[in-house]
Amino acid sequence: MNNAFRVSCLVCVLLAFGCFMGCGSDDPASVVDVPEIPEDTNLGGSVGVYGNIGGTRPIVDTGDLVTVHVVHRVPDGATASAFRIQAPTGWVRVGTKANFPVAIGNIDDGISIAYGKCMSGSVHIMSVTYQTPGSTQTGRVFRVLPHSEWPGFVQVVDCNQKLLNDAIGIESAIALSLTDEGEDEEDRFQER
């Protein structure tokens, strides 16, 4: 068996595991109440990288260690997802922590995460810590892309054990600073 086949089999097992975990109630520790996703989004929802676990704050380049949060917004519920993250040039990853015990792969090539049960709303999937350059150019973004094994789409397993190939990978802008006056950045933050 070659290595690519073994990795593909492991990812398939992970996605199947997410399918068969069933639909339980939401875990309040992992689901955060945030504004609803517009009705015209795909059934798989969207996966993005944000400055907080609710997916409402921008990422800020502080020139120091910064923890960003991967959030899956899925109004109809999901049990697993598969994706990869592309960080801007100069951002060096120093640590990752998945919020669920079953995670296979890495965020550079592709990671598959099983949630353990049906979860809906804004699901905080994982946290990633980066050393930031302190000089990120305007217009740079974090990108959530399809897993390298399935380059067509960000994949999601819904609560009915169906593989969805329609989740949206979000481009998240990077702010150079937050306002000095403590204004609420949530009001001005918009996904690209």
Protein backbone atom coordinates (compact mmCIF):
# COMPACT_ATOMS: atom_id res chain seq x y z
CA MET A 1 0.00 0.00 0.00
CA ASN A 2 1.38 3.37 -0.87
CA ASN A 3 1.40 6.31 1.54
CA ALA A 4 -1.22 8.38 -0.30
CA PHE A 5 -3.68 5.46 -0.17
CA ARG A 6 -3.10 5.01 3.59
CA VAL A 7 -3.71 8.71 4.25
CA SER A 8 -6.84 8.65 2.10
CA CYS A 9 -8.14 5.63 4.00
CA LEU A 10 -7.50 7.32 7.37
CA VAL A 11 -9.34 10.45 6.27
CA CYS A 12 -12.27 8.36 4.97
CA VAL A 13 -12.45 6.57 8.32
CA LEU A 14 -12.47 9.92 10.13
CA LEU A 15 -15.24 11.30 7.95
CA ALA A 16 -17.24 8.07 8.40
CA PHE A 17 -16.72 8.34 12.16
CA GLY A 18 -18.22 11.81 12.05
CA CYS A 19 -21.19 10.49 10.08
CA PHE A 20 -22.03 7.75 12.55
CA MET A 21 -21.72 9.74 15.77
CA GLY A 22 -25.34 10.82 15.43
CA CYS A 23 -27.14 13.99 16.21
CA GLY A 24 -26.89 14.99 19.86
CA SER A 25 -27.59 18.29 21.48
CA ASP A 26 -25.15 21.17 21.05
CA ASP A 27 -22.27 21.41 23.50
CA PRO A 28 -22.39 24.95 24.92
CA ALA A 29 -18.64 24.88 25.59
CA SER A 30 -17.84 24.50 21.88
CA VAL A 31 -20.67 26.41 20.22
CA VAL A 32 -20.77 30.18 20.40
CA ASP A 33 -23.84 32.33 19.72
CA VAL A 34 -23.06 34.71 16.85
CA PRO A 35 -25.12 36.31 14.10
CA GLU A 36 -26.72 33.81 11.75
CA ILE A 37 -25.21 32.93 8.39
CA PRO A 38 -27.14 34.45 5.48
CA GLU A 39 -29.75 32.07 4.08
CA ASP A 40 -28.05 31.87 0.67
CA THR A 41 -25.02 29.95 1.98
CA ASN A 42 -24.39 26.34 1.09
CA LEU A 43 -25.56 23.46 3.31
CA GLY A 44 -21.98 22.81 4.45
CA GLY A 45 -21.73 26.33 5.86
CA SER A 46 -18.42 28.16 5.98
CA VAL A 47 -15.05 27.62 7.65
CA GLY A 48 -12.96 30.68 8.48
CA VAL A 49 -10.06 31.91 10.63
CA TYR A 50 -10.82 34.67 13.15
CA GLY A 51 -9.42 36.63 16.07
CA ASN A 52 -11.91 35.14 18.56
CA ILE A 53 -13.80 31.88 19.07
CA GLY A 54 -17.09 33.42 17.99
CA GLY A 55 -15.80 34.31 14.54
CA THR A 56 -16.59 37.99 14.94
CA ARG A 57 -13.19 39.69 15.36
CA PRO A 58 -10.41 40.22 12.85
CA ILE A 59 -6.95 38.75 13.23
CA VAL A 60 -4.41 41.35 14.40
CA ASP A 61 -0.71 41.32 13.51
CA THR A 62 0.89 42.31 16.83
CA GLY A 63 4.47 41.39 15.99
CA ASP A 64 4.25 38.78 18.73
CA LEU A 65 2.51 35.45 19.32
CA VAL A 66 -1.12 35.49 18.15
CA THR A 67 -3.69 32.73 18.54
CA VAL A 68 -6.29 32.54 15.77
CA HIS A 69 -9.45 30.45 15.85
CA VAL A 70 -10.95 28.23 13.17
CA VAL A 71 -14.74 28.48 13.26
CA HIS A 72 -17.22 26.38 11.27
CA ARG A 73 -20.49 28.26 10.80
CA VAL A 74 -23.10 25.67 9.92
CA PRO A 75 -26.77 26.44 10.56
CA ASP A 76 -28.06 22.97 9.58
CA GLY A 77 -25.47 21.06 11.61
CA ALA A 78 -22.39 18.95 10.87
CA THR A 79 -20.42 16.09 12.40
CA ALA A 80 -17.04 16.55 10.66
CA SER A 81 -15.06 18.76 8.28
CA ALA A 82 -11.92 18.57 6.13
CA PHE A 83 -9.87 21.60 5.01
CA ARG A 84 -6.43 23.23 5.08
CA ILE A 85 -5.25 26.71 6.04
CA GLN A 86 -2.94 29.01 4.11
CA ALA A 87 -1.37 31.66 6.36
CA PRO A 88 0.06 34.92 5.00
CA THR A 89 3.77 35.15 4.23
CA GLY A 90 5.83 35.75 7.36
CA TRP A 91 3.39 34.13 9.78
CA VAL A 92 5.14 31.14 11.41
CA ARG A 93 2.97 28.50 13.05
CA VAL A 94 4.19 27.50 16.51
CA GLY A 95 1.29 25.37 17.74
CA THR A 96 -2.15 23.91 16.98
CA LYS A 97 -4.88 22.58 19.22
CA ALA A 98 -7.98 20.84 17.88
CA ASN A 99 -11.04 21.14 20.11
CA PHE A 100 -12.12 17.57 19.34
CA PRO A 101 -10.24 14.33 20.08
CA VAL A 102 -10.35 12.92 16.54
CA ALA A 103 -8.24 15.02 14.16
CA ILE A 104 -6.12 13.53 11.37
CA GLY A 105 -3.57 15.40 9.28
CA ASN A 106 -2.14 18.89 9.53
CA ILE A 107 -3.41 22.32 8.57
CA ASP A 108 -0.80 22.84 5.83
CA ASP A 109 -1.75 19.81 3.70
CA GLY A 110 -5.19 19.08 5.09
CA ILE A 111 -6.83 18.20 8.37
CA SER A 112 -10.00 16.20 8.97
CA ILE A 113 -11.80 16.73 12.27
CA ALA A 114 -14.73 14.69 13.65
CA TYR A 115 -16.92 16.62 16.10
CA GLY A 116 -18.27 13.56 17.90
CA LYS A 117 -21.91 14.59 17.44
CA CYS A 118 -24.10 16.88 15.39
CA MET A 119 -23.22 20.51 16.09
CA SER A 120 -24.77 23.62 14.60
CA GLY A 121 -24.32 27.38 14.79
CA SER A 122 -20.75 28.61 15.15
CA VAL A 123 -18.52 25.68 16.08
CA HIS A 124 -15.02 26.51 17.35
CA ILE A 125 -13.03 23.73 15.65
CA MET A 126 -9.44 24.55 16.60
CA SER A 127 -6.94 27.20 17.69
CA VAL A 128 -3.62 27.89 15.97
CA THR A 129 -0.79 30.01 17.40
CA TYR A 130 1.51 31.97 15.08
CA GLN A 131 4.53 34.20 15.50
CA THR A 132 3.54 37.27 13.53
CA PRO A 133 5.95 39.49 11.59
CA GLY A 134 4.48 42.76 12.89
CA SER A 135 4.49 44.17 9.37
CA THR A 136 1.85 42.27 7.41
CA GLN A 137 1.05 44.14 4.21
CA THR A 138 -2.45 45.48 3.70
CA GLY A 139 -4.67 43.06 1.83
CA ARG A 140 -3.05 39.88 3.17
CA VAL A 141 -5.49 37.20 4.30
CA PHE A 142 -5.77 33.79 5.89
CA ARG A 143 -7.39 31.37 3.45
CA VAL A 144 -9.34 28.23 4.24
CA LEU A 145 -8.84 25.91 1.27
CA PRO A 146 -9.93 22.40 0.33
CA HIS A 147 -8.00 19.49 1.85
CA SER A 148 -5.15 18.50 -0.52
CA GLU A 149 -6.65 14.99 -0.91
CA TRP A 150 -9.94 16.47 -2.17
CA PRO A 151 -8.95 19.67 -3.98
CA GLY A 152 -12.42 20.56 -5.25
CA PHE A 153 -14.18 21.74 -2.09
CA VAL A 154 -14.00 22.20 1.67
CA GLN A 155 -15.80 19.05 2.80
CA VAL A 156 -18.33 18.60 5.58
CA VAL A 157 -20.30 15.62 6.87
CA ASP A 158 -23.83 16.71 7.79
CA CYS A 159 -26.03 15.34 10.58
CA ASN A 160 -27.72 12.94 8.17
CA GLN A 161 -24.40 11.19 7.42
CA LYS A 162 -24.12 12.82 4.00
CA LEU A 163 -20.82 14.11 2.63
CA LEU A 164 -21.25 17.69 1.45
CA ASN A 165 -18.82 19.15 -1.08
CA ASP A 166 -20.14 22.68 -0.89
CA ALA A 167 -18.72 24.32 2.24
CA ILE A 168 -17.23 27.77 1.73
CA GLY A 169 -13.62 28.46 2.69
CA ILE A 170 -13.45 32.03 3.99
CA GLU A 171 -10.68 34.56 3.34
CA SER A 172 -10.10 36.41 6.61
CA ALA A 173 -8.44 39.82 6.51
CA ILE A 174 -5.65 40.81 8.89
CA ALA A 175 -5.83 44.07 10.82
CA LEU A 176 -2.64 45.91 11.73
CA SER A 177 -4.12 47.12 15.03
CA LEU A 178 -7.33 47.44 17.00
CA THR A 179 -8.68 50.90 17.71
CA ASP A 180 -7.04 52.78 20.58
CA GLU A 181 -10.39 53.96 21.91
CA GLY A 182 -11.69 50.43 22.46
CA GLU A 183 -14.40 50.62 19.80
CA ASP A 184 -16.09 47.37 19.01
CA GLU A 185 -14.28 45.84 16.04
CA GLU A 186 -17.14 43.37 15.59
CA ASP A 187 -19.25 46.14 14.05
CA ARG A 188 -16.64 46.92 11.37
CA PHE A 189 -15.26 43.43 10.69
CA GLN A 190 -16.44 41.87 7.45
CA GLU A 191 -15.47 38.60 5.76
CA ARG A 192 -13.99 38.81 2.29
